[in-house]
């Protein structure tokens, strides 16, 4: 297992003799973590990080009265969920609904390594209600329902490399903290468990965008691009980043850039600059301020940089543009 720090060794799982687990996880599995998400209560428990000792082991059919995320870090095999067999591969996430029977059979050369979170999520009670939050700011019951309803049963997702690296790093931090037990380790574990769950939901929702028929997929992609364009056009004067825009669209920044360029022929950043230049020209024409004032009004905090970008996009400097307007007004 690549996630163990220093010379720590795996220990036998207390309930499943064919499984090995890092030190600290048996005690962690007995703990419950409750999070107030602003509009929902999330409870995480029975946290497991397991390595199957053999490549052909079998976990018999069972079910859970709660939801479960099973993330496969490595290894191959078959998971049978509610009678349907799914071939497992590294970087794959299964989100299981409550009370769904499932079993697992290992395959191939490498034993399977999994990280499992059992959880429950429910709407926030009225007496714990907080100020309203935007959908992209938190996680809700609706996010999970969207995944379970939109994905084919069972909900299975294979993640991209950059997503797998983020998940692996988070698992490594959790495991390291549990093994080393330095001051405050459980606080860091708790924070990383919420981070891991958030990644699971975010990446699963992202994966849904690319599913379905070509028409429904195109409609989803078009909707995301339209939302991104609207956000830019409404907030161009703010210190806007592609990460901000992507978060509001519930998609990662690299995916948004790829989709945006495919749809519009330009990148998110280039579109933002184009909108700022368009607004700058309008302000200069209307006499709404000098060059420095206009630069700040359209989102630049450096008038020299604004002038360089203006000349790059318009072909002349802001000063030359004002002189051109002055000549035209005299004719």
Protein backbone atom coordinates (compact mmCIF):
# COMPACT_ATOMS: atom_id res chain seq x y z
CA UNK A 1 0.00 0.00 0.00
CA UNK A 2 1.57 3.31 -1.13
CA UNK A 3 -0.19 5.40 1.50
CA UNK A 4 1.69 4.22 4.58
CA UNK A 5 4.26 6.64 6.04
CA UNK A 6 7.71 5.51 7.13
CA UNK A 7 7.92 1.87 8.26
CA UNK A 8 4.28 1.40 9.29
CA UNK A 9 2.82 -2.00 8.45
CA UNK A 10 -0.67 -3.12 7.54
CA UNK A 11 -2.69 -4.93 10.17
CA UNK A 12 -5.37 -7.59 9.83
CA UNK A 13 -8.90 -6.27 9.55
CA UNK A 14 -10.72 -7.08 12.83
CA UNK A 15 -13.86 -8.39 11.07
CA UNK A 16 -12.65 -9.64 7.67
CA UNK A 17 -9.56 -11.91 7.85
CA UNK A 18 -8.86 -11.63 4.10
CA UNK A 19 -8.45 -7.86 4.38
CA UNK A 20 -5.53 -5.76 5.56
CA UNK A 21 -5.85 -2.17 6.74
CA UNK A 22 -3.52 0.63 7.91
CA UNK A 23 -3.23 1.19 11.67
CA UNK A 24 -5.86 3.55 13.03
CA UNK A 25 -8.65 2.64 10.62
CA UNK A 26 -10.40 0.05 12.85
CA UNK A 27 -10.89 2.77 15.49
CA UNK A 28 -11.86 5.31 12.84
CA UNK A 29 -14.55 2.95 11.54
CA UNK A 30 -16.27 3.13 14.92
CA UNK A 31 -16.50 6.94 14.88
CA UNK A 32 -19.26 9.12 13.44
CA UNK A 33 -18.58 12.53 11.94
CA UNK A 34 -21.45 15.01 11.68
CA UNK A 35 -21.23 18.05 9.38
CA UNK A 36 -23.60 20.99 9.03
CA UNK A 37 -23.46 21.81 5.32
CA UNK A 38 -25.63 24.93 5.58
CA UNK A 39 -28.69 23.26 4.05
CA UNK A 40 -28.18 19.62 5.02
CA UNK A 41 -26.74 17.39 7.73
CA UNK A 42 -24.09 14.94 6.54
CA UNK A 43 -22.97 12.01 8.69
CA UNK A 44 -19.91 9.97 7.73
CA UNK A 45 -19.12 6.69 9.46
CA UNK A 46 -17.68 3.18 9.01
CA UNK A 47 -14.67 4.65 7.17
CA UNK A 48 -12.63 1.81 5.65
CA UNK A 49 -9.29 1.70 3.83
CA UNK A 50 -8.70 -1.94 2.88
CA UNK A 51 -6.33 -4.06 0.85
CA UNK A 52 -7.58 -7.49 -0.24
CA UNK A 53 -4.90 -10.09 0.53
CA UNK A 54 -5.55 -12.17 -2.58
CA UNK A 55 -6.60 -11.31 -6.10
CA UNK A 56 -9.40 -13.88 -6.24
CA UNK A 57 -11.13 -13.38 -2.90
CA UNK A 58 -14.90 -13.17 -2.56
CA UNK A 59 -16.99 -10.90 -0.33
CA UNK A 60 -20.48 -12.42 -0.02
CA UNK A 61 -23.71 -10.60 -0.76
CA UNK A 62 -24.68 -8.01 1.83
CA UNK A 63 -26.35 -4.59 2.06
CA UNK A 64 -26.29 -1.46 4.22
CA UNK A 65 -29.12 0.68 5.62
CA UNK A 66 -27.18 3.77 4.53
CA UNK A 67 -25.55 5.19 1.40
CA UNK A 68 -22.02 4.11 0.53
CA UNK A 69 -19.17 5.43 -1.61
CA UNK A 70 -16.65 2.77 -2.65
CA UNK A 71 -13.55 4.15 -4.36
CA UNK A 72 -11.11 1.72 -6.03
CA UNK A 73 -7.51 2.89 -5.74
CA UNK A 74 -6.06 -0.15 -7.53
CA UNK A 75 -6.77 -3.74 -8.52
CA UNK A 76 -9.49 -5.29 -10.66
CA UNK A 77 -12.53 -7.44 -10.10
CA UNK A 78 -16.29 -7.67 -10.41
CA UNK A 79 -18.86 -6.03 -8.17
CA UNK A 80 -22.36 -7.45 -8.47
CA UNK A 81 -24.94 -4.85 -7.44
CA UNK A 82 -28.60 -5.80 -7.25
CA UNK A 83 -27.92 -8.64 -9.71
CA UNK A 84 -25.95 -6.50 -12.19
CA UNK A 85 -22.22 -7.25 -12.64
CA UNK A 86 -19.79 -4.32 -12.97
CA UNK A 87 -16.15 -4.69 -13.98
CA UNK A 88 -14.00 -2.74 -11.54
CA UNK A 89 -10.84 -0.80 -12.43
CA UNK A 90 -8.55 1.69 -10.65
CA UNK A 91 -9.96 5.21 -10.33
CA UNK A 92 -13.56 4.00 -10.24
CA UNK A 93 -16.22 5.17 -7.78
CA UNK A 94 -19.42 3.32 -6.91
CA UNK A 95 -22.17 5.20 -5.08
CA UNK A 96 -24.62 2.70 -3.63
CA UNK A 97 -28.16 3.53 -2.56
CA UNK A 98 -29.53 2.31 0.76
CA UNK A 99 -30.32 -1.40 1.20
CA UNK A 100 -28.90 -2.45 -2.19
CA UNK A 101 -27.49 -6.04 -2.11
CA UNK A 102 -23.97 -6.38 -3.51
CA UNK A 103 -20.97 -8.74 -3.50
CA UNK A 104 -17.41 -8.60 -4.79
CA UNK A 105 -15.10 -11.06 -6.58
CA UNK A 106 -11.42 -10.18 -7.07
CA UNK A 107 -9.76 -10.68 -10.46
CA UNK A 108 -6.48 -10.15 -12.34
CA UNK A 109 -3.00 -9.97 -10.80
CA UNK A 110 -3.22 -7.16 -8.25
CA UNK A 111 -5.28 -7.31 -5.06
CA UNK A 112 -7.95 -4.62 -4.79
CA UNK A 113 -7.38 -1.56 -2.64
CA UNK A 114 -10.49 0.40 -1.65
CA UNK A 115 -11.49 3.44 0.36
CA UNK A 116 -15.09 3.27 1.56
CA UNK A 117 -17.28 5.91 3.19
CA UNK A 118 -20.69 4.97 4.56
CA UNK A 119 -22.88 8.03 4.97
CA UNK A 120 -26.30 9.54 5.42
CA UNK A 121 -27.51 12.99 4.41
CA UNK A 122 -30.77 14.73 5.30
CA UNK A 123 -32.25 18.24 5.04
CA UNK A 124 -31.20 20.62 7.77
CA UNK A 125 -33.73 20.83 10.65
CA UNK A 126 -35.47 24.25 10.85
CA UNK A 127 -33.92 25.06 14.24
CA UNK A 128 -30.42 24.65 12.75
CA UNK A 129 -31.09 26.66 9.60
CA UNK A 130 -28.40 29.09 8.50
CA UNK A 131 -28.38 31.95 6.03
CA UNK A 132 -29.26 30.77 2.49
CA UNK A 133 -26.27 29.61 0.47
CA UNK A 134 -25.72 29.29 -3.25
CA UNK A 135 -25.92 25.70 -4.64
CA UNK A 136 -22.25 25.79 -5.67
CA UNK A 137 -21.16 26.84 -2.16
CA UNK A 138 -22.23 23.66 -0.40
CA UNK A 139 -23.60 20.16 -0.86
CA UNK A 140 -27.23 19.15 -0.44
CA UNK A 141 -29.55 16.17 -0.55
CA UNK A 142 -30.44 17.26 -4.09
CA UNK A 143 -26.84 16.72 -5.25
CA UNK A 144 -26.94 13.07 -4.20
CA UNK A 145 -30.45 12.58 -5.61
CA UNK A 146 -29.32 14.02 -8.93
CA UNK A 147 -26.47 11.50 -9.12
CA UNK A 148 -28.56 8.49 -8.08
CA UNK A 149 -31.43 9.42 -10.42
CA UNK A 150 -29.39 10.47 -13.45
CA UNK A 151 -26.79 7.71 -13.43
CA UNK A 152 -27.63 4.21 -14.52
CA UNK A 153 -28.12 1.95 -11.53
CA UNK A 154 -25.74 1.37 -9.88
CA UNK A 155 -24.04 4.77 -10.00
CA UNK A 156 -20.55 4.03 -11.35
CA UNK A 157 -17.97 6.62 -12.39
CA UNK A 158 -14.42 6.34 -13.75
CA UNK A 159 -12.36 9.43 -12.97
CA UNK A 160 -9.72 11.27 -14.97
CA UNK A 161 -6.07 11.26 -13.94
CA UNK A 162 -6.06 14.70 -12.31
CA UNK A 163 -9.14 13.71 -10.27
CA UNK A 164 -7.51 10.46 -9.21
CA UNK A 165 -4.41 12.36 -8.08
CA UNK A 166 -6.51 14.67 -5.89
CA UNK A 167 -8.33 11.70 -4.35
CA UNK A 168 -5.11 9.73 -3.81
CA UNK A 169 -3.46 12.69 -2.11
CA UNK A 170 -6.44 13.11 0.23
CA UNK A 171 -6.45 9.39 1.10
CA UNK A 172 -2.71 9.58 1.75
CA UNK A 173 -3.15 12.51 4.14
CA UNK A 174 -5.92 10.71 6.05
CA UNK A 175 -3.87 7.51 6.34
CA UNK A 176 -0.70 9.34 7.36
CA UNK A 177 -2.50 11.27 10.10
CA UNK A 178 -4.06 8.09 11.50
CA UNK A 179 -0.73 6.28 11.58
CA UNK A 180 1.41 9.09 13.01
CA UNK A 181 -1.20 10.44 15.47
CA UNK A 182 0.41 13.84 15.88
CA UNK A 183 -1.41 16.56 17.89
CA UNK A 184 -4.73 17.47 16.27
CA UNK A 185 -4.62 14.53 13.87
CA UNK A 186 -8.32 13.73 14.21
CA UNK A 187 -9.26 17.30 13.26
CA UNK A 188 -7.23 16.96 10.06
CA UNK A 189 -8.74 13.52 9.37
CA UNK A 190 -12.24 14.93 9.83
CA UNK A 191 -11.55 17.83 7.45
CA UNK A 192 -10.08 15.50 4.82
CA UNK A 193 -13.03 13.09 5.04
CA UNK A 194 -15.38 15.96 4.21
CA UNK A 195 -13.00 17.00 1.44
CA UNK A 196 -13.00 13.45 0.05
CA UNK A 197 -16.81 13.20 0.11
CA UNK A 198 -17.05 16.61 -1.59
CA UNK A 199 -14.67 15.44 -4.33
CA UNK A 200 -16.72 12.27 -4.84
CA UNK A 201 -19.94 14.25 -5.34
CA UNK A 202 -18.32 16.97 -7.46
CA UNK A 203 -16.53 14.54 -9.78
CA UNK A 204 -19.62 12.33 -10.11
CA UNK A 205 -21.79 15.30 -11.09
CA UNK A 206 -19.11 16.35 -13.56
CA UNK A 207 -19.09 12.88 -15.11
CA UNK A 208 -22.87 13.02 -15.63
CA UNK A 209 -22.40 15.92 -18.03
CA UNK A 210 -20.77 13.59 -20.55
CA UNK A 211 -23.44 10.89 -20.31
CA UNK A 212 -26.73 10.34 -22.04
CA UNK A 213 -27.67 10.68 -25.69
CA UNK A 214 -25.77 13.11 -27.86
CA UNK A 215 -28.72 15.52 -27.84
CA UNK A 216 -29.11 15.58 -24.04
CA UNK A 217 -25.34 15.76 -23.59
CA UNK A 218 -25.08 18.67 -26.02
CA UNK A 219 -27.93 20.41 -24.20
CA UNK A 220 -26.13 20.05 -20.85
CA UNK A 221 -22.85 21.31 -22.30
CA UNK A 222 -24.57 24.24 -24.00
CA UNK A 223 -26.30 25.12 -20.73
CA UNK A 224 -22.96 25.17 -18.88
CA UNK A 225 -21.33 27.40 -21.50
CA UNK A 226 -24.29 29.79 -21.51
CA UNK A 227 -24.11 30.05 -17.73
CA UNK A 228 -20.36 30.72 -17.85
CA UNK A 229 -20.82 33.42 -20.50
CA UNK A 230 -23.59 35.02 -18.47
CA UNK A 231 -21.43 35.08 -15.34
CA UNK A 232 -18.61 36.76 -17.26
CA UNK A 233 -20.90 39.35 -18.83
CA UNK A 234 -22.46 40.21 -15.45
CA UNK A 235 -19.24 40.21 -13.40
CA UNK A 236 -16.51 41.29 -15.83
CA UNK A 237 -15.60 44.28 -13.61
CA UNK A 238 -14.80 42.03 -10.64
CA UNK A 239 -11.48 40.20 -9.97
CA UNK A 240 -12.91 37.13 -11.70
CA UNK A 241 -10.92 33.90 -12.14
CA UNK A 242 -11.68 30.82 -14.21
CA UNK A 243 -11.83 28.85 -10.95
CA UNK A 244 -14.63 31.14 -9.71
CA UNK A 245 -16.58 30.70 -12.93
CA UNK A 246 -16.06 26.93 -13.00
CA UNK A 247 -17.19 26.57 -9.37
CA UNK A 248 -20.42 28.44 -10.15
CA UNK A 249 -21.01 26.04 -13.04
CA UNK A 250 -20.24 22.97 -10.86
CA UNK A 251 -17.39 21.85 -13.13
CA UNK A 252 -13.60 21.90 -12.86
CA UNK A 253 -11.71 24.74 -14.56
CA UNK A 254 -9.80 22.54 -17.03
CA UNK A 255 -13.01 20.88 -18.26
CA UNK A 256 -14.75 24.23 -18.53
CA UNK A 257 -11.94 25.61 -20.68
CA UNK A 258 -12.07 22.62 -23.05
CA UNK A 259 -15.87 22.80 -23.38
CA UNK A 260 -15.86 26.59 -23.69
CA UNK A 261 -13.32 26.61 -26.51
CA UNK A 262 -15.14 23.82 -28.32
CA UNK A 263 -18.40 25.78 -28.18
CA UNK A 264 -17.14 29.35 -28.74
CA UNK A 265 -13.72 28.99 -30.39
CA UNK A 266 -12.05 30.92 -27.57
CA UNK A 267 -10.94 30.26 -23.99
CA UNK A 268 -12.73 31.50 -20.88
CA UNK A 269 -9.95 33.99 -20.16
CA UNK A 270 -9.92 35.31 -23.73
CA UNK A 271 -13.69 35.76 -23.60
CA UNK A 272 -13.39 37.67 -20.31
CA UNK A 273 -10.77 39.98 -21.84
CA UNK A 274 -12.91 40.50 -24.95
CA UNK A 275 -15.90 41.50 -22.81
CA UNK A 276 -13.73 43.87 -20.78
CA UNK A 277 -12.37 45.47 -23.95
CA UNK A 278 -15.88 45.87 -25.36
CA UNK A 279 -17.03 47.59 -22.16
CA UNK A 280 -13.86 49.73 -22.08
CA UNK A 281 -14.54 51.02 -25.59
CA UNK A 282 -18.11 51.89 -24.59
CA UNK A 283 -16.90 53.80 -21.53
CA UNK A 284 -14.19 55.65 -23.47
CA UNK A 285 -16.72 56.63 -26.16
CA UNK A 286 -19.17 57.93 -23.56
CA UNK A 287 -16.50 59.91 -21.68
CA UNK A 288 -17.16 57.98 -18.48
CA UNK A 289 -13.61 58.53 -17.21
CA UNK A 290 -9.97 58.77 -18.14
CA UNK A 291 -7.94 55.74 -19.20
CA UNK A 292 -6.96 54.77 -15.64
CA UNK A 293 -10.53 55.12 -14.37
CA UNK A 294 -11.89 53.05 -17.23
CA UNK A 295 -9.27 50.37 -16.61
CA UNK A 296 -10.45 49.98 -13.02
CA UNK A 297 -14.12 50.06 -14.03
CA UNK A 298 -13.70 47.05 -16.32
CA UNK A 299 -11.77 44.89 -13.85
CA UNK A 300 -8.09 45.82 -14.29
CA UNK A 301 -6.01 46.99 -11.34
CA UNK A 302 -3.08 48.08 -13.51
CA UNK A 303 -3.65 50.74 -16.19
CA UNK A 304 -0.42 49.85 -18.02
CA UNK A 305 -1.50 46.22 -18.34
CA UNK A 306 -4.93 47.41 -19.46
CA UNK A 307 -3.33 49.55 -22.17
CA UNK A 308 -1.23 46.63 -23.43
CA UNK A 309 -4.27 44.32 -23.56
CA UNK A 310 -6.34 47.03 -25.25
CA UNK A 311 -3.76 47.50 -27.99
CA UNK A 312 -3.44 43.74 -28.43
CA UNK A 313 -7.21 43.33 -28.86
CA UNK A 314 -8.22 46.58 -30.58
CA UNK A 315 -5.06 47.25 -32.57
CA UNK A 316 -4.39 50.71 -31.12
CA UNK A 317 -3.71 52.02 -27.61
CA UNK A 318 -6.48 53.57 -25.48
CA UNK A 319 -4.90 57.01 -26.03
CA UNK A 320 -4.89 56.49 -29.80
CA UNK A 321 -8.49 55.27 -29.57
CA UNK A 322 -9.51 58.48 -27.77
CA UNK A 323 -7.66 60.58 -30.36
CA UNK A 324 -9.45 58.68 -33.13
CA UNK A 325 -12.82 59.37 -31.48
CA UNK A 326 -11.89 63.04 -31.16
CA UNK A 327 -11.02 63.30 -34.88
CA UNK A 328 -14.26 61.56 -35.87
CA UNK A 329 -16.33 63.96 -33.75
CA UNK A 330 -14.78 66.96 -35.52
CA UNK A 331 -15.58 65.70 -39.01
